[in-house]
Amino acid sequence: MGWSRHCHGIFSSRTHTPVCPRVAITGEVSIRGNVRAVGGTVAKVAAARQAGAVPVIIPVPNWWERFRTVAGFQVTSAGHILEACDQAL
């Protein structure tokens, strides 16, 4: 979940908007800002839940309907880095 912290840190410093520390984000960002699929999403979502992260933002290609039914836990998806920034800030 490293790229997301760097991107959000830059975005946060440029807009003077703090990033919520409980947000977990995973994915790979292309040079054009598109968020690409990654492996191990189910395990990453489970680890984020165990760590108390709310919400968890994952790439659109990794979205499964079963993420919608996790009680008391919010999993959302993003297809572009700007969508992820909007959801995280």
Protein backbone atom coordinates (compact mmCIF):
# COMPACT_ATOMS: atom_id res chain seq x y z
CA MET A 1 0.00 0.00 0.00
CA GLY A 2 2.99 2.27 -0.51
CA TRP A 3 2.24 4.18 -3.74
CA SER A 4 -1.04 5.41 -2.37
CA ARG A 5 0.52 7.00 0.68
CA HIS A 6 3.03 8.84 -1.50
CA CYS A 7 0.38 10.04 -3.97
CA HIS A 8 -1.98 11.10 -1.22
CA GLY A 9 0.81 12.78 0.70
CA ILE A 10 1.68 14.89 -2.33
CA PHE A 11 -1.98 15.63 -3.05
CA SER A 12 -2.59 16.51 0.60
CA SER A 13 0.37 18.89 0.76
CA ARG A 14 -0.67 20.63 -2.47
CA THR A 15 -4.31 21.10 -1.40
CA HIS A 16 -3.64 21.59 2.34
CA THR A 17 -6.16 18.84 3.08
CA PRO A 18 -5.17 16.18 5.62
CA VAL A 19 -5.39 12.51 4.63
CA CYS A 20 -7.33 10.34 7.04
CA PRO A 21 -4.78 7.99 8.66
CA ARG A 22 -7.28 5.09 8.81
CA VAL A 23 -7.67 4.82 5.01
CA ALA A 24 -6.10 1.76 3.35
CA ILE A 25 -5.42 1.79 -0.39
CA THR A 26 -3.92 -0.77 -2.73
CA GLY A 27 -3.28 -0.93 -6.46
CA GLU A 28 -0.79 0.09 -9.10
CA VAL A 29 -0.90 3.49 -10.79
CA SER A 30 -0.03 3.94 -14.47
CA ILE A 31 1.79 6.99 -15.81
CA ARG A 32 -1.64 8.39 -16.81
CA GLY A 33 -3.12 7.91 -13.36
CA ASN A 34 -5.16 4.78 -14.05
CA VAL A 35 -5.34 2.33 -11.16
CA ARG A 36 -4.44 -1.20 -12.25
CA ALA A 37 -5.28 -4.53 -10.67
CA VAL A 38 -2.98 -6.20 -8.17
CA GLY A 39 -2.80 -9.66 -6.63
CA GLY A 40 -3.74 -10.67 -3.12
CA THR A 41 -6.60 -8.22 -2.73
CA VAL A 42 -8.67 -10.48 -0.49
CA ALA A 43 -5.77 -10.90 1.94
CA LYS A 44 -5.04 -7.16 1.85
CA VAL A 45 -8.66 -6.30 2.60
CA ALA A 46 -8.68 -8.79 5.49
CA ALA A 47 -5.46 -7.30 6.90
CA ALA A 48 -6.83 -3.77 6.58
CA ARG A 49 -9.98 -4.81 8.40
CA GLN A 50 -7.94 -6.39 11.17
CA ALA A 51 -5.85 -3.20 11.45
CA GLY A 52 -9.00 -1.07 11.77
CA ALA A 53 -8.74 0.74 8.44
CA VAL A 54 -11.92 2.40 7.18
CA PRO A 55 -12.44 2.68 4.23
CA VAL A 56 -10.36 0.36 2.06
CA ILE A 57 -9.92 1.50 -1.55
CA ILE A 58 -9.06 -1.14 -4.14
CA PRO A 59 -8.70 -1.11 -7.95
CA VAL A 60 -11.91 -1.48 -9.97
CA PRO A 61 -10.70 -4.72 -11.66
CA ASN A 62 -10.25 -6.29 -8.20
CA TRP A 63 -13.79 -5.43 -7.02
CA TRP A 64 -15.91 -8.41 -5.98
CA GLU A 65 -19.55 -8.26 -4.96
CA ARG A 66 -18.69 -10.04 -1.72
CA PHE A 67 -16.80 -6.93 -0.57
CA ARG A 68 -20.16 -5.12 -0.54
CA THR A 69 -21.58 -7.52 2.06
CA VAL A 70 -18.87 -7.24 4.72
CA ALA A 71 -20.78 -6.01 7.76
CA GLY A 72 -19.50 -2.87 9.45
CA PHE A 73 -16.71 -2.40 6.94
CA GLN A 74 -16.46 -0.20 3.85
CA VAL A 75 -14.64 -1.37 0.72
CA THR A 76 -14.76 0.93 -2.31
CA SER A 77 -13.06 0.88 -5.69
CA ALA A 78 -11.27 3.46 -7.82
CA GLY A 79 -10.31 3.43 -11.49
CA HIS A 80 -8.17 6.57 -11.45
CA ILE A 81 -5.86 8.15 -8.87
CA LEU A 82 -8.10 11.21 -8.63
CA GLU A 83 -11.05 8.99 -7.65
CA ALA A 84 -8.90 7.43 -4.94
CA CYS A 85 -7.87 10.88 -3.70
CA ASP A 86 -11.50 12.03 -3.56
CA GLN A 87 -12.44 8.96 -1.52
CA ALA A 88 -9.46 9.20 0.84
CA LEU A 89 -9.58 12.90 1.68
